[in-house]
Amino acid sequence: MEKAYAFVVEHGLADLSLRPLAQAIGSSPRVLLYLFGSKDGLVGALLARARRDELAVLEGIEGDLDAVTGRLWQWLSAPEHRPLLVLWLEAYSRSLVEPDGPWAGYARRTVEDWLDVLARAQPAGVRRTKAGEAQRTRALALLRGAMLDLLATGDETRVRASL
């Protein structure tokens, strides 16, 4: 799994074919099908692996909403995370245009995970209000928009200044 995950982080999922993947990780397409049942089963397992990485990042971030937003941006803007973020974006997008199969619910779960982290950064009295929900939604939208812009342009100086 780790070798397959490293392969898709580097190459993406869009054109994933079992034969090149198997060759790259020292396996065979038959073994992959045996282990995962189908290509969709493999993609589902890879998405679950990516989500574990995402949740591990989110678990370790604490502070108030501004501090958490800043720490999340530090992680999102780090050049070494760009291949993983491109994979995340691909999976997020595919779950919107192909709502069935291995992508099902990926975007929704991701939004919920991030909103949960941002909610924990708010005082309990604010967290349970519509205004608190709006604050964390705005923070998430800002982070995601900035991340998309950074991935598209590579203009870290401009995007960082906007934040």
C-alpha atoms as a PDB file:
ATOM      1  CA  MET A   1       0.000   0.000   0.000  1.00  0.00           C
ATOM      2  CA  GLU A   2       2.750   2.455   0.882  1.00  0.00           C
ATOM      3  CA  LYS A   3       4.493   1.992  -2.452  1.00  0.00           C
ATOM      4  CA  ALA A   4       1.203   2.366  -4.340  1.00  0.00           C
ATOM      5  CA  TYR A   5       0.381   5.461  -2.311  1.00  0.00           C
ATOM      6  CA  ALA A   6       3.784   7.010  -3.057  1.00  0.00           C
ATOM      7  CA  PHE A   7       3.205   6.260  -6.746  1.00  0.00           C
ATOM      8  CA  VAL A   8      -0.166   8.041  -6.882  1.00  0.00           C
ATOM      9  CA  VAL A   9       1.135  11.007  -4.883  1.00  0.00           C
ATOM     10  CA  GLU A  10       3.795  11.387  -7.560  1.00  0.00           C
ATOM     11  CA  HIS A  11       1.703  10.496 -10.637  1.00  0.00           C
ATOM     12  CA  GLY A  12      -1.911  11.158  -9.659  1.00  0.00           C
ATOM     13  CA  LEU A  13      -5.005   9.042 -10.091  1.00  0.00           C
ATOM     14  CA  ALA A  14      -6.380  10.424 -13.372  1.00  0.00           C
ATOM     15  CA  ASP A  15      -4.597   7.982 -15.655  1.00  0.00           C
ATOM     16  CA  LEU A  16      -3.993   5.259 -13.115  1.00  0.00           C
ATOM     17  CA  SER A  17      -3.500   1.938 -14.824  1.00  0.00           C
ATOM     18  CA  LEU A  18      -2.829  -1.269 -12.924  1.00  0.00           C
ATOM     19  CA  ARG A  19       0.003  -2.474 -15.144  1.00  0.00           C
ATOM     20  CA  PRO A  20       2.332   0.577 -14.750  1.00  0.00           C
ATOM     21  CA  LEU A  21       1.462   0.824 -11.062  1.00  0.00           C
ATOM     22  CA  ALA A  22       2.219  -2.851 -10.478  1.00  0.00           C
ATOM     23  CA  GLN A  23       5.487  -2.595 -12.384  1.00  0.00           C
ATOM     24  CA  ALA A  24       6.539   0.502 -10.429  1.00  0.00           C
ATOM     25  CA  ILE A  25       5.913  -1.140  -7.062  1.00  0.00           C
ATOM     26  CA  GLY A  26       7.287  -4.581  -7.908  1.00  0.00           C
ATOM     27  CA  SER A  27       3.974  -6.385  -8.096  1.00  0.00           C
ATOM     28  CA  SER A  28       1.564  -7.560 -10.762  1.00  0.00           C
ATOM     29  CA  PRO A  29      -1.916  -6.433 -11.838  1.00  0.00           C
ATOM     30  CA  ARG A  30      -3.294  -9.802 -10.715  1.00  0.00           C
ATOM     31  CA  VAL A  31      -1.904  -9.369  -7.208  1.00  0.00           C
ATOM     32  CA  LEU A  32      -3.413  -5.877  -7.006  1.00  0.00           C
ATOM     33  CA  LEU A  33      -6.783  -7.212  -8.138  1.00  0.00           C
ATOM     34  CA  TYR A  34      -6.533 -10.046  -5.634  1.00  0.00           C
ATOM     35  CA  LEU A  35      -5.705  -7.659  -2.788  1.00  0.00           C
ATOM     36  CA  PHE A  36      -8.232  -4.937  -3.634  1.00  0.00           C
ATOM     37  CA  GLY A  37     -10.920  -6.748  -5.639  1.00  0.00           C
ATOM     38  CA  SER A  38     -10.950  -4.198  -8.451  1.00  0.00           C
ATOM     39  CA  LYS A  39      -9.349  -0.988  -9.625  1.00  0.00           C
ATOM     40  CA  ASP A  40     -12.113   0.906  -7.780  1.00  0.00           C
ATOM     41  CA  GLY A  41     -11.242  -1.028  -4.631  1.00  0.00           C
ATOM     42  CA  LEU A  42      -7.611   0.005  -5.006  1.00  0.00           C
ATOM     43  CA  VAL A  43      -8.570   3.654  -5.602  1.00  0.00           C
ATOM     44  CA  GLY A  44     -10.814   3.537  -2.529  1.00  0.00           C
ATOM     45  CA  ALA A  45      -7.969   2.160  -0.429  1.00  0.00           C
ATOM     46  CA  LEU A  46      -5.592   4.831  -1.748  1.00  0.00           C
ATOM     47  CA  LEU A  47      -8.116   7.565  -0.945  1.00  0.00           C
ATOM     48  CA  ALA A  48      -8.517   6.165   2.563  1.00  0.00           C
ATOM     49  CA  ARG A  49      -4.726   6.247   2.925  1.00  0.00           C
ATOM     50  CA  ALA A  50      -4.626   9.882   1.765  1.00  0.00           C
ATOM     51  CA  ARG A  51      -7.364  10.741   4.251  1.00  0.00           C
ATOM     52  CA  ARG A  52      -5.331   9.206   7.086  1.00  0.00           C
ATOM     53  CA  ASP A  53      -2.463  11.551   6.185  1.00  0.00           C
ATOM     54  CA  GLU A  54      -4.840  14.492   6.106  1.00  0.00           C
ATOM     55  CA  LEU A  55      -6.357  13.615   9.475  1.00  0.00           C
ATOM     56  CA  ALA A  56      -2.899  13.163  11.013  1.00  0.00           C
ATOM     57  CA  VAL A  57      -2.029  16.717   9.995  1.00  0.00           C
ATOM     58  CA  LEU A  58      -5.291  18.067  11.346  1.00  0.00           C
ATOM     59  CA  GLU A  59      -5.000  16.231  14.675  1.00  0.00           C
ATOM     60  CA  GLY A  60      -1.832  18.025  15.697  1.00  0.00           C
ATOM     61  CA  ILE A  61      -3.022  21.592  15.131  1.00  0.00           C
ATOM     62  CA  GLU A  62      -4.317  23.543  18.120  1.00  0.00           C
ATOM     63  CA  GLY A  63      -4.899  27.140  19.179  1.00  0.00           C
ATOM     64  CA  ASP A  64      -7.505  29.802  18.539  1.00  0.00           C
ATOM     65  CA  LEU A  65      -9.108  30.130  15.111  1.00  0.00           C
ATOM     66  CA  ASP A  66      -6.523  32.599  13.785  1.00  0.00           C
ATOM     67  CA  ALA A  67      -3.606  30.495  15.057  1.00  0.00           C
ATOM     68  CA  VAL A  68      -5.066  27.280  13.638  1.00  0.00           C
ATOM     69  CA  THR A  69      -5.749  28.956  10.299  1.00  0.00           C
ATOM     70  CA  GLY A  70      -2.146  30.200  10.225  1.00  0.00           C
ATOM     71  CA  ARG A  71      -0.722  26.787  11.079  1.00  0.00           C
ATOM     72  CA  LEU A  72      -2.883  25.121   8.463  1.00  0.00           C
ATOM     73  CA  TRP A  73      -1.661  27.612   5.893  1.00  0.00           C
ATOM     74  CA  GLN A  74       1.968  26.924   6.844  1.00  0.00           C
ATOM     75  CA  TRP A  75       1.385  23.253   6.160  1.00  0.00           C
ATOM     76  CA  LEU A  76      -0.628  23.841   2.969  1.00  0.00           C
ATOM     77  CA  SER A  77       1.934  26.227   1.521  1.00  0.00           C
ATOM     78  CA  ALA A  78       5.001  24.073   2.203  1.00  0.00           C
ATOM     79  CA  PRO A  79       6.497  23.073  -1.164  1.00  0.00           C
ATOM     80  CA  GLU A  80       7.049  19.479  -0.049  1.00  0.00           C
ATOM     81  CA  HIS A  81       3.283  19.005   0.386  1.00  0.00           C
ATOM     82  CA  ARG A  82       2.308  20.121  -3.116  1.00  0.00           C
ATOM     83  CA  PRO A  83       2.211  16.631  -4.694  1.00  0.00           C
ATOM     84  CA  LEU A  84      -0.076  15.415  -1.901  1.00  0.00           C
ATOM     85  CA  LEU A  85      -2.287  18.498  -2.288  1.00  0.00           C
ATOM     86  CA  VAL A  86      -2.587  17.939  -6.022  1.00  0.00           C
ATOM     87  CA  LEU A  87      -3.688  14.356  -5.289  1.00  0.00           C
ATOM     88  CA  TRP A  88      -6.150  15.647  -2.702  1.00  0.00           C
ATOM     89  CA  LEU A  89      -7.523  18.176  -5.215  1.00  0.00           C
ATOM     90  CA  GLU A  90      -7.893  15.490  -7.852  1.00  0.00           C
ATOM     91  CA  ALA A  91      -9.819  13.237  -5.472  1.00  0.00           C
ATOM     92  CA  TYR A  92     -11.928  16.157  -4.215  1.00  0.00           C
ATOM     93  CA  SER A  93     -12.850  17.179  -7.763  1.00  0.00           C
ATOM     94  CA  ARG A  94     -13.580  13.653  -8.921  1.00  0.00           C
ATOM     95  CA  SER A  95     -15.911  13.099  -5.984  1.00  0.00           C
ATOM     96  CA  LEU A  96     -17.948  16.061  -7.217  1.00  0.00           C
ATOM     97  CA  VAL A  97     -18.205  14.967 -10.852  1.00  0.00           C
ATOM     98  CA  GLU A  98     -18.277  11.208 -10.201  1.00  0.00           C
ATOM     99  CA  PRO A  99     -20.316  10.917  -6.990  1.00  0.00           C
ATOM    100  CA  ASP A 100     -20.457   7.123  -7.120  1.00  0.00           C
ATOM    101  CA  GLY A 101     -17.721   4.567  -6.774  1.00  0.00           C
ATOM    102  CA  PRO A 102     -14.494   5.043  -4.850  1.00  0.00           C
ATOM    103  CA  TRP A 103     -14.805   8.848  -4.844  1.00  0.00           C
ATOM    104  CA  ALA A 104     -18.227   8.861  -3.179  1.00  0.00           C
ATOM    105  CA  GLY A 105     -18.409  11.366  -0.337  1.00  0.00           C
ATOM    106  CA  TYR A 106     -14.697  12.241  -0.389  1.00  0.00           C
ATOM    107  CA  ALA A 107     -15.222  16.003  -0.792  1.00  0.00           C
ATOM    108  CA  ARG A 108     -17.962  16.141   1.843  1.00  0.00           C
ATOM    109  CA  ARG A 109     -15.885  14.181   4.377  1.00  0.00           C
ATOM    110  CA  THR A 110     -12.911  16.448   3.750  1.00  0.00           C
ATOM    111  CA  VAL A 111     -14.970  19.589   4.349  1.00  0.00           C
ATOM    112  CA  GLU A 112     -16.416  18.088   7.526  1.00  0.00           C
ATOM    113  CA  ASP A 113     -12.971  17.062   8.805  1.00  0.00           C
ATOM    114  CA  TRP A 114     -11.536  20.535   8.303  1.00  0.00           C
ATOM    115  CA  LEU A 115     -14.588  22.275   9.776  1.00  0.00           C
ATOM    116  CA  ASP A 116     -14.277  20.038  12.856  1.00  0.00           C
ATOM    117  CA  VAL A 117     -10.663  21.144  13.370  1.00  0.00           C
ATOM    118  CA  LEU A 118     -11.632  24.784  12.959  1.00  0.00           C
ATOM    119  CA  ALA A 119     -14.580  24.335  15.352  1.00  0.00           C
ATOM    120  CA  ARG A 120     -12.265  22.973  18.046  1.00  0.00           C
ATOM    121  CA  ALA A 121     -10.309  26.228  17.735  1.00  0.00           C
ATOM    122  CA  GLN A 122     -13.351  28.276  18.696  1.00  0.00           C
ATOM    123  CA  PRO A 123     -14.651  28.900  22.212  1.00  0.00           C
ATOM    124  CA  ALA A 124     -17.536  26.545  23.027  1.00  0.00           C
ATOM    125  CA  GLY A 125     -20.021  29.421  23.178  1.00  0.00           C
ATOM    126  CA  VAL A 126     -19.080  30.587  19.679  1.00  0.00           C
ATOM    127  CA  ARG A 127     -18.716  27.097  18.200  1.00  0.00           C
ATOM    128  CA  ARG A 128     -22.408  26.348  18.623  1.00  0.00           C
ATOM    129  CA  THR A 129     -23.669  29.511  16.918  1.00  0.00           C
ATOM    130  CA  LYS A 130     -24.459  30.334  13.321  1.00  0.00           C
ATOM    131  CA  ALA A 131     -21.842  33.103  13.529  1.00  0.00           C
ATOM    132  CA  GLY A 132     -19.241  30.554  14.677  1.00  0.00           C
ATOM    133  CA  GLU A 133     -20.171  28.257  11.828  1.00  0.00           C
ATOM    134  CA  ALA A 134     -19.844  31.171   9.407  1.00  0.00           C
ATOM    135  CA  GLN A 135     -16.401  32.097  10.824  1.00  0.00           C
ATOM    136  CA  ARG A 136     -14.969  28.630  10.356  1.00  0.00           C
ATOM    137  CA  THR A 137     -16.575  28.279   6.924  1.00  0.00           C
ATOM    138  CA  ARG A 138     -14.946  31.569   5.913  1.00  0.00           C
ATOM    139  CA  ALA A 139     -11.571  30.397   7.258  1.00  0.00           C
ATOM    140  CA  LEU A 140     -11.876  27.115   5.345  1.00  0.00           C
ATOM    141  CA  ALA A 141     -12.905  28.897   2.143  1.00  0.00           C
ATOM    142  CA  LEU A 142      -9.952  31.259   2.476  1.00  0.00           C
ATOM    143  CA  LEU A 143      -7.500  28.399   3.045  1.00  0.00           C
ATOM    144  CA  ARG A 144      -8.853  26.299   0.198  1.00  0.00           C
ATOM    145  CA  GLY A 145      -9.002  29.217  -2.217  1.00  0.00           C
ATOM    146  CA  ALA A 146      -5.470  30.279  -1.337  1.00  0.00           C
ATOM    147  CA  MET A 147      -4.249  26.706  -1.725  1.00  0.00           C
ATOM    148  CA  LEU A 148      -5.862  26.400  -5.161  1.00  0.00           C
ATOM    149  CA  ASP A 149      -4.356  29.711  -6.233  1.00  0.00           C
ATOM    150  CA  LEU A 150      -0.917  28.698  -4.957  1.00  0.00           C
ATOM    151  CA  LEU A 151      -1.087  25.350  -6.739  1.00  0.00           C
ATOM    152  CA  ALA A 152      -2.207  27.036  -9.958  1.00  0.00           C
ATOM    153  CA  THR A 153       0.304  29.891  -9.982  1.00  0.00           C
ATOM    154  CA  GLY A 154       3.114  29.039  -7.582  1.00  0.00           C
ATOM    155  CA  ASP A 155       3.013  32.708  -6.514  1.00  0.00           C
ATOM    156  CA  GLU A 156       3.612  32.142  -2.820  1.00  0.00           C
ATOM    157  CA  THR A 157       4.489  35.786  -2.093  1.00  0.00           C
ATOM    158  CA  ARG A 158       1.212  37.165  -3.463  1.00  0.00           C
ATOM    159  CA  VAL A 159      -0.960  34.443  -1.942  1.00  0.00           C
ATOM    160  CA  ARG A 160       0.735  34.678   1.471  1.00  0.00           C
ATOM    161  CA  ALA A 161       0.266  38.476   1.442  1.00  0.00           C
ATOM    162  CA  SER A 162      -3.446  38.044   0.780  1.00  0.00           C
ATOM    163  CA  LEU A 163      -3.803  35.844   3.823  1.00  0.00           C
END
